[in-house]
């Protein structure tokens, strides 16, 4: 790669038709902390994280071959230090009748953000210099203030998107790998598999598919909540029926746990959306099963309290420890002990809080009540629907 390409403040790679690296500039090596000379002759796969390799082979490379170019594709590079490097890829097919080759430009997203910030600052400075009168100066001040607000909002959104993409790509890696691997294995060897083995593989596919389904439901709520568009219909709900259905569903999934459901008769009606109530309860139950040991009992109770209904899910896990309970409902937050015990995205409890608050309720986390020696209680309260006591007089 010549010195002109080494001067480019972004990674540049030259690829053969079979995606082997023919050349790479100095910045490409700096991005992944490897010597540029070591990259020549290697497959492009050595640069990419596992999810990005899948995305490139299934979507990006076919589009590049068909259209001759791809633009603004989000990928993560595999650094020699082990840290994922988020980049945007632009690539084109080299012109000419010979065997096709490809040129790629990889810009680190953090760097692009810095350039955009500097460009905005330069623009505002230029506008200030062109101010010719007090009226124009006032107009520019208003414009500058508006730009600062928009820029701050865009910066917050960009940081959220970066964190969102990082978390989601990490959370999708396991189910995608499992589903892809098990499906490929079944397609190749199902005829020779024992029925028990076949059933185990199908169970893995079903479990990971359900995990992706629940993650997708949480992400839909998350996107609406972040955009200020989380609207909840005010429909009458029989909470007992919704919670009981969620318990039965989790009981079928978590066969190594015992679930006890306790709900008195005569509970009031609440207003909200039964789908969202079910989503909150399912998240609570899934977490309870995840952090409780095999064979443990999980208690689910409904009580009439303070003009509404309280739903509690009490697990048999290690409890909250020294954690501040309210922090558990922050977006992307995971308690250190929980992160060591089981994988998670730090999205589910945030979604639960947004849904409960949108339905006019409140949510909490606390230590499991006596006589439990450990464990945690996750609960929420929804107000009862107003009763029309007009007797018609």
Protein backbone atom coordinates (compact mmCIF):
# COMPACT_ATOMS: atom_id res chain seq x y z
CA UNK A 1 0.00 0.00 0.00
CA UNK A 2 1.59 3.32 -1.05
CA UNK A 3 2.26 6.33 1.15
CA UNK A 4 -0.83 8.16 -0.11
CA UNK A 5 -3.04 5.48 1.41
CA UNK A 6 -0.96 5.51 4.61
CA UNK A 7 -1.89 9.18 4.97
CA UNK A 8 -5.63 8.39 4.99
CA UNK A 9 -6.98 8.71 8.58
CA UNK A 10 -9.04 5.52 8.19
CA UNK A 11 -8.43 1.85 7.45
CA UNK A 12 -7.95 1.01 3.73
CA UNK A 13 -7.76 -2.59 2.48
CA UNK A 14 -7.38 -4.13 -0.98
CA UNK A 15 -9.12 -7.51 -1.31
CA UNK A 16 -8.88 -10.26 -3.91
CA UNK A 17 -11.97 -11.88 -5.42
CA UNK A 18 -11.85 -14.60 -2.74
CA UNK A 19 -11.63 -11.94 -0.01
CA UNK A 20 -7.96 -12.33 0.83
CA UNK A 21 -6.08 -9.21 1.88
CA UNK A 22 -3.75 -8.01 -0.88
CA UNK A 23 -2.68 -4.82 0.90
CA UNK A 24 -3.62 -2.67 3.89
CA UNK A 25 -2.59 0.81 4.95
CA UNK A 26 -0.93 1.79 8.22
CA UNK A 27 -4.19 2.95 9.85
CA UNK A 28 -5.78 -0.46 9.19
CA UNK A 29 -3.08 -2.10 11.25
CA UNK A 30 -3.45 0.54 13.97
CA UNK A 31 -7.20 -0.08 14.22
CA UNK A 32 -6.74 -3.73 15.21
CA UNK A 33 -3.30 -3.37 16.84
CA UNK A 34 -1.51 -5.61 14.34
CA UNK A 35 1.39 -5.13 11.97
CA UNK A 36 0.14 -4.35 8.45
CA UNK A 37 2.55 -6.82 6.89
CA UNK A 38 1.02 -9.67 8.87
CA UNK A 39 -2.37 -9.04 7.29
CA UNK A 40 -1.31 -9.63 3.67
CA UNK A 41 -2.50 -13.02 2.46
CA UNK A 42 -4.92 -13.46 5.35
CA UNK A 43 -8.68 -13.88 4.87
CA UNK A 44 -10.86 -10.88 5.60
CA UNK A 45 -12.44 -13.00 8.36
CA UNK A 46 -9.41 -12.40 10.63
CA UNK A 47 -10.39 -8.72 10.86
CA UNK A 48 -14.03 -9.28 11.84
CA UNK A 49 -15.85 -10.34 14.98
CA UNK A 50 -18.02 -13.45 14.76
CA UNK A 51 -21.36 -11.61 14.23
CA UNK A 52 -19.77 -9.35 11.61
CA UNK A 53 -18.37 -12.36 9.73
CA UNK A 54 -21.87 -13.81 9.52
CA UNK A 55 -23.34 -10.47 8.39
CA UNK A 56 -20.61 -9.95 5.79
CA UNK A 57 -20.94 -13.41 4.25
CA UNK A 58 -24.75 -13.48 4.21
CA UNK A 59 -25.58 -9.88 3.25
CA UNK A 60 -22.67 -7.53 2.60
CA UNK A 61 -20.57 -9.62 0.22
CA UNK A 62 -23.55 -10.69 -1.97
CA UNK A 63 -24.60 -7.02 -2.24
CA UNK A 64 -21.03 -5.98 -3.08
CA UNK A 65 -20.79 -8.58 -5.84
CA UNK A 66 -24.20 -7.68 -7.25
CA UNK A 67 -24.05 -3.88 -7.07
CA UNK A 68 -20.33 -3.25 -7.10
CA UNK A 69 -20.48 -1.13 -3.92
CA UNK A 70 -21.79 -0.98 -0.37
CA UNK A 71 -22.06 2.09 1.83
CA UNK A 72 -22.18 2.80 5.57
CA UNK A 73 -22.27 -0.85 6.76
CA UNK A 74 -21.84 -1.23 10.52
CA UNK A 75 -19.28 -3.92 11.45
CA UNK A 76 -17.12 -4.69 14.47
CA UNK A 77 -13.44 -5.50 14.02
CA UNK A 78 -11.64 -8.14 16.08
CA UNK A 79 -8.73 -6.37 17.74
CA UNK A 80 -5.66 -8.28 18.89
CA UNK A 81 -6.40 -6.90 22.36
CA UNK A 82 -9.80 -8.61 22.38
CA UNK A 83 -11.84 -5.39 22.34
CA UNK A 84 -14.45 -5.02 19.55
CA UNK A 85 -13.86 -1.98 17.33
CA UNK A 86 -17.07 -0.48 15.81
CA UNK A 87 -16.52 0.79 12.24
CA UNK A 88 -18.46 1.81 9.14
CA UNK A 89 -17.47 0.05 5.91
CA UNK A 90 -17.63 1.54 2.42
CA UNK A 91 -16.40 -0.74 -0.37
CA UNK A 92 -16.32 -0.81 -4.19
CA UNK A 93 -15.45 -3.35 -6.84
CA UNK A 94 -12.35 -2.44 -8.85
CA UNK A 95 -13.16 -1.64 -12.50
CA UNK A 96 -11.67 -3.64 -15.36
CA UNK A 97 -12.14 -6.89 -17.26
CA UNK A 98 -9.75 -8.88 -15.06
CA UNK A 99 -10.78 -10.95 -12.07
CA UNK A 100 -12.70 -8.66 -9.72
CA UNK A 101 -11.04 -7.18 -6.65
CA UNK A 102 -12.37 -4.86 -4.00
CA UNK A 103 -11.27 -1.73 -2.14
CA UNK A 104 -12.64 -1.04 1.31
CA UNK A 105 -12.58 2.01 3.60
CA UNK A 106 -13.22 1.40 7.33
CA UNK A 107 -13.88 4.47 9.48
CA UNK A 108 -13.97 4.11 13.23
CA UNK A 109 -17.29 5.48 14.46
CA UNK A 110 -15.67 7.33 17.34
CA UNK A 111 -13.43 9.16 14.89
CA UNK A 112 -16.36 10.12 12.68
CA UNK A 113 -18.13 11.56 15.73
CA UNK A 114 -15.07 13.70 16.49
CA UNK A 115 -14.95 15.01 12.93
CA UNK A 116 -18.66 15.87 13.03
CA UNK A 117 -18.19 17.73 16.33
CA UNK A 118 -15.27 19.71 14.94
CA UNK A 119 -17.22 20.49 11.78
CA UNK A 120 -20.15 21.80 13.84
CA UNK A 121 -17.83 23.98 15.94
CA UNK A 122 -16.21 25.40 12.79
CA UNK A 123 -19.63 26.11 11.28
CA UNK A 124 -20.80 27.98 14.37
CA UNK A 125 -17.55 29.98 14.47
CA UNK A 126 -17.94 30.95 10.82
CA UNK A 127 -21.54 32.05 11.40
CA UNK A 128 -20.36 34.20 14.32
CA UNK A 129 -17.69 35.87 12.17
CA UNK A 130 -20.26 36.76 9.52
CA UNK A 131 -22.51 38.56 11.97
CA UNK A 132 -22.87 42.11 10.57
CA UNK A 133 -25.46 43.65 12.88
CA UNK A 134 -27.09 43.23 16.28
CA UNK A 135 -30.20 41.78 14.68
CA UNK A 136 -28.17 39.27 12.74
CA UNK A 137 -26.15 38.51 15.87
CA UNK A 138 -29.37 37.79 17.79
CA UNK A 139 -30.63 35.56 15.00
CA UNK A 140 -27.33 33.70 14.94
CA UNK A 141 -27.45 33.27 18.72
CA UNK A 142 -30.88 31.67 18.43
CA UNK A 143 -29.63 29.48 15.60
CA UNK A 144 -26.52 28.50 17.53
CA UNK A 145 -28.59 27.65 20.61
CA UNK A 146 -30.89 25.50 18.50
CA UNK A 147 -27.92 23.74 16.93
CA UNK A 148 -26.41 23.07 20.33
CA UNK A 149 -29.64 21.53 21.56
CA UNK A 150 -29.95 19.42 18.42
CA UNK A 151 -26.32 18.43 18.61
CA UNK A 152 -26.64 17.43 22.27
CA UNK A 153 -29.71 15.37 21.43
CA UNK A 154 -27.98 13.78 18.45
CA UNK A 155 -24.93 13.05 20.59
CA UNK A 156 -27.13 11.36 23.17
CA UNK A 157 -28.90 9.39 20.46
CA UNK A 158 -25.59 8.41 18.89
CA UNK A 159 -24.23 7.20 22.22
CA UNK A 160 -27.45 5.28 22.80
CA UNK A 161 -27.25 3.71 19.32
CA UNK A 162 -23.62 2.70 19.84
CA UNK A 163 -24.42 1.12 23.20
CA UNK A 164 -27.61 -0.41 21.81
CA UNK A 165 -25.82 -1.97 18.83
CA UNK A 166 -23.03 -3.29 21.03
CA UNK A 167 -25.41 -4.87 23.55
CA UNK A 168 -27.82 -6.28 20.99
CA UNK A 169 -25.05 -7.72 18.80
CA UNK A 170 -23.63 -9.42 21.91
CA UNK A 171 -27.02 -10.75 22.99
CA UNK A 172 -27.91 -12.03 19.52
CA UNK A 173 -24.59 -13.82 19.08
CA UNK A 174 -25.45 -16.86 21.21
CA UNK A 175 -28.98 -17.58 19.89
CA UNK A 176 -27.97 -16.96 16.27
CA UNK A 177 -24.93 -19.21 16.60
CA UNK A 178 -26.96 -21.92 18.33
CA UNK A 179 -29.87 -21.81 15.89
CA UNK A 180 -27.57 -21.71 12.87
CA UNK A 181 -25.30 -24.46 14.19
CA UNK A 182 -28.10 -26.78 15.31
CA UNK A 183 -30.08 -26.27 12.09
CA UNK A 184 -27.01 -27.05 9.99
CA UNK A 185 -26.29 -30.14 12.10
CA UNK A 186 -29.88 -31.38 11.82
CA UNK A 187 -29.91 -30.84 8.08
CA UNK A 188 -26.71 -32.84 7.66
CA UNK A 189 -27.21 -35.63 10.22
CA UNK A 190 -30.85 -35.84 11.32
CA UNK A 191 -31.35 -39.20 9.62
CA UNK A 192 -28.63 -40.85 11.72
CA UNK A 193 -29.41 -39.18 15.06
CA UNK A 194 -30.93 -40.97 18.03
CA UNK A 195 -34.42 -39.65 18.91
CA UNK A 196 -33.15 -38.30 22.26
CA UNK A 197 -30.32 -36.38 20.62
CA UNK A 198 -32.66 -35.06 17.94
CA UNK A 199 -35.07 -33.90 20.62
CA UNK A 200 -32.29 -32.15 22.55
CA UNK A 201 -31.17 -30.22 19.46
CA UNK A 202 -34.72 -29.21 18.61
CA UNK A 203 -35.17 -28.10 22.20
CA UNK A 204 -32.07 -25.92 21.94
CA UNK A 205 -33.40 -24.31 18.76
CA UNK A 206 -36.80 -23.72 20.38
CA UNK A 207 -35.27 -22.22 23.53
CA UNK A 208 -32.96 -19.86 21.65
CA UNK A 209 -35.77 -18.85 19.27
CA UNK A 210 -37.94 -18.00 22.27
CA UNK A 211 -35.06 -16.01 23.74
CA UNK A 212 -34.80 -14.01 20.50
CA UNK A 213 -38.59 -13.50 20.46
CA UNK A 214 -38.60 -12.08 23.99
CA UNK A 215 -35.59 -9.90 23.24
CA UNK A 216 -37.36 -8.59 20.13
CA UNK A 217 -40.47 -7.72 22.17
CA UNK A 218 -38.32 -5.83 24.69
CA UNK A 219 -36.49 -4.00 21.91
CA UNK A 220 -39.78 -2.85 20.35
CA UNK A 221 -40.85 -1.34 23.67
CA UNK A 222 -37.37 0.14 24.15
CA UNK A 223 -37.43 1.87 20.77
CA UNK A 224 -40.84 3.39 21.50
CA UNK A 225 -39.83 4.48 25.00
CA UNK A 226 -36.64 6.15 23.75
CA UNK A 227 -38.61 7.93 21.03
CA UNK A 228 -41.32 9.09 23.46
CA UNK A 229 -43.95 7.04 21.63
CA UNK A 230 -44.87 4.47 24.29
CA UNK A 231 -48.66 4.72 24.35
CA UNK A 232 -50.72 2.22 26.35
CA UNK A 233 -54.41 1.58 25.73
CA UNK A 234 -56.76 1.82 28.73
CA UNK A 235 -58.58 -1.51 28.45
CA UNK A 236 -60.05 -3.52 31.34
CA UNK A 237 -57.70 -6.32 32.42
CA UNK A 238 -58.32 -9.33 34.64
CA UNK A 239 -54.78 -9.44 36.01
CA UNK A 240 -55.20 -12.88 37.59
CA UNK A 241 -55.80 -14.50 34.20
CA UNK A 242 -52.84 -12.74 32.56
CA UNK A 243 -50.41 -13.61 35.35
CA UNK A 244 -51.61 -17.23 35.56
CA UNK A 245 -51.06 -17.68 31.81
CA UNK A 246 -47.52 -16.27 32.11
CA UNK A 247 -46.77 -18.62 35.04
CA UNK A 248 -48.00 -21.65 33.10
CA UNK A 249 -45.88 -20.67 30.11
CA UNK A 250 -42.74 -20.25 32.23
CA UNK A 251 -43.47 -23.50 34.05
CA UNK A 252 -43.37 -25.30 30.69
CA UNK A 253 -40.04 -23.64 29.82
CA UNK A 254 -38.33 -23.94 33.22
CA UNK A 255 -39.07 -27.55 34.11
CA UNK A 256 -36.37 -27.69 36.81
CA UNK A 257 -38.14 -25.09 38.97
CA UNK A 258 -41.33 -25.23 41.01
CA UNK A 259 -43.81 -22.38 40.61
CA UNK A 260 -46.47 -21.56 43.23
CA UNK A 261 -49.23 -19.17 42.15
CA UNK A 262 -51.37 -17.57 44.85
CA UNK A 263 -54.18 -15.18 43.92
CA UNK A 264 -57.40 -14.60 45.88
CA UNK A 265 -60.75 -14.23 44.21
CA UNK A 266 -62.51 -10.88 43.93
CA UNK A 267 -59.51 -8.88 42.74
CA UNK A 268 -60.41 -5.56 41.08
CA UNK A 269 -60.15 -4.80 37.37
CA UNK A 270 -57.29 -2.57 36.20
CA UNK A 271 -56.92 -0.52 33.03
CA UNK A 272 -54.01 -1.08 30.66
CA UNK A 273 -52.91 -3.61 28.02
CA UNK A 274 -52.88 -7.29 28.89
CA UNK A 275 -50.02 -7.94 26.44
CA UNK A 276 -47.79 -5.48 28.30
CA UNK A 277 -48.79 -6.83 31.72
CA UNK A 278 -47.91 -10.31 30.44
CA UNK A 279 -44.58 -9.03 29.11
CA UNK A 280 -43.64 -7.58 32.52
CA UNK A 281 -44.60 -10.77 34.37
CA UNK A 282 -42.75 -12.93 31.82
CA UNK A 283 -39.58 -10.87 32.27
CA UNK A 284 -39.84 -11.21 36.06
CA UNK A 285 -40.42 -14.96 35.85
CA UNK A 286 -37.61 -15.49 33.35
CA UNK A 287 -35.17 -13.63 35.61
CA UNK A 288 -36.38 -15.54 38.67
CA UNK A 289 -35.76 -18.88 36.92
CA UNK A 290 -32.40 -17.69 35.57
CA UNK A 291 -31.00 -16.70 38.97
CA UNK A 292 -32.61 -19.42 41.13
CA UNK A 293 -30.87 -22.80 41.52
CA UNK A 294 -32.33 -25.91 39.95
CA UNK A 295 -35.15 -27.36 42.07
CA UNK A 296 -35.91 -24.02 43.76
CA UNK A 297 -39.44 -22.73 44.33
CA UNK A 298 -40.58 -19.43 42.81
CA UNK A 299 -43.61 -17.79 44.41
CA UNK A 300 -46.01 -15.56 42.46
CA UNK A 301 -48.62 -13.67 44.46
CA UNK A 302 -51.42 -11.20 43.71
CA UNK A 303 -52.91 -8.99 46.40
CA UNK A 304 -55.36 -6.13 46.52
CA UNK A 305 -53.52 -3.10 47.92
CA UNK A 306 -54.01 0.67 48.11
CA UNK A 307 -56.77 0.82 45.51
CA UNK A 308 -55.08 -1.49 43.03
CA UNK A 309 -53.37 -4.85 42.50
CA UNK A 310 -49.82 -5.75 43.52
CA UNK A 311 -48.03 -8.56 41.64
CA UNK A 312 -44.96 -10.07 43.30
CA UNK A 313 -42.46 -12.61 41.96
CA UNK A 314 -40.21 -13.96 44.72
CA UNK A 315 -37.19 -16.03 43.68
CA UNK A 316 -34.70 -18.20 45.58
CA UNK A 317 -31.51 -16.68 44.18
CA UNK A 318 -28.63 -14.93 45.91
CA UNK A 319 -30.64 -11.77 46.57
CA UNK A 320 -29.82 -8.14 45.87
CA UNK A 321 -26.80 -7.85 48.16
CA UNK A 322 -25.54 -4.28 48.42
CA UNK A 323 -27.16 -3.18 45.16
CA UNK A 324 -29.32 -0.04 45.07
CA UNK A 325 -32.66 -1.56 43.98
CA UNK A 326 -33.73 1.34 41.74
CA UNK A 327 -30.52 1.04 39.67
CA UNK A 328 -31.60 -2.42 38.51
CA UNK A 329 -34.22 -0.73 36.31
CA UNK A 330 -31.73 1.56 34.54
CA UNK A 331 -31.10 0.88 30.86
CA UNK A 332 -28.11 -1.44 30.18
CA UNK A 333 -27.33 -1.71 33.92
CA UNK A 334 -26.47 -5.15 35.28
CA UNK A 335 -25.47 -5.88 38.85
CA UNK A 336 -21.94 -7.35 39.03
CA UNK A 337 -23.14 -10.55 40.73
CA UNK A 338 -25.90 -11.01 38.14
CA UNK A 339 -23.48 -10.47 35.26
CA UNK A 340 -21.28 -13.27 36.59
CA UNK A 341 -24.19 -15.67 37.09
CA UNK A 342 -25.99 -15.44 33.74
CA UNK A 343 -25.90 -13.55 30.42
CA UNK A 344 -28.19 -10.59 29.85
CA UNK A 345 -28.55 -7.29 28.03
CA UNK A 346 -29.68 -4.99 30.85
CA UNK A 347 -32.83 -4.18 28.86
CA UNK A 348 -35.63 -6.31 30.35
CA UNK A 349 -36.08 -4.56 33.71
CA UNK A 350 -35.87 -1.12 32.07
CA UNK A 351 -38.66 -2.19 29.71
CA UNK A 352 -40.71 -3.43 32.68
CA UNK A 353 -40.39 -0.05 34.42
CA UNK A 354 -41.40 1.88 31.29
CA UNK A 355 -44.46 -0.34 30.72
CA UNK A 356 -45.65 -0.23 34.33
CA UNK A 357 -45.25 3.55 34.55
CA UNK A 358 -47.05 3.98 31.21
CA UNK A 359 -50.00 2.09 32.75
CA UNK A 360 -50.02 4.43 35.77
CA UNK A 361 -48.35 2.00 38.15
CA UNK A 362 -45.11 1.66 40.10
CA UNK A 363 -42.40 -1.01 40.17
CA UNK A 364 -39.87 -2.15 42.76
CA UNK A 365 -37.15 -4.61 43.70
CA UNK A 366 -36.43 -5.71 47.28
CA UNK A 367 -35.06 -8.54 49.36
CA UNK A 368 -37.39 -11.53 49.57
CA UNK A 369 -39.68 -11.23 52.61
CA UNK A 370 -39.31 -13.53 55.66
CA UNK A 371 -39.04 -16.41 56.23
CA UNK A 372 -36.86 -16.59 53.11
CA UNK A 373 -33.14 -16.63 53.95
CA UNK A 374 -32.18 -15.17 50.57
CA UNK A 375 -33.68 -14.36 47.22
CA UNK A 376 -35.27 -11.24 45.84
CA UNK A 377 -38.74 -9.84 45.27
CA UNK A 378 -39.63 -8.06 42.04
CA UNK A 379 -43.08 -6.54 41.95
CA UNK A 380 -45.36 -3.96 40.44
CA UNK A 381 -48.63 -2.28 41.34
CA UNK A 382 -51.39 -1.13 38.99
CA UNK A 383 -54.32 1.06 40.01
CA UNK A 384 -57.80 -0.38 39.87
CA UNK A 385 -60.25 0.93 37.31
CA UNK A 386 -62.60 3.55 38.69
CA UNK A 387 -65.97 2.07 39.64
CA UNK A 388 -69.08 3.98 38.51
CA UNK A 389 -71.22 3.94 41.66
CA UNK A 390 -73.99 6.09 40.19
CA UNK A 391 -77.23 4.42 41.37
CA UNK A 392 -79.30 6.19 38.72
CA UNK A 393 -81.25 8.46 41.17
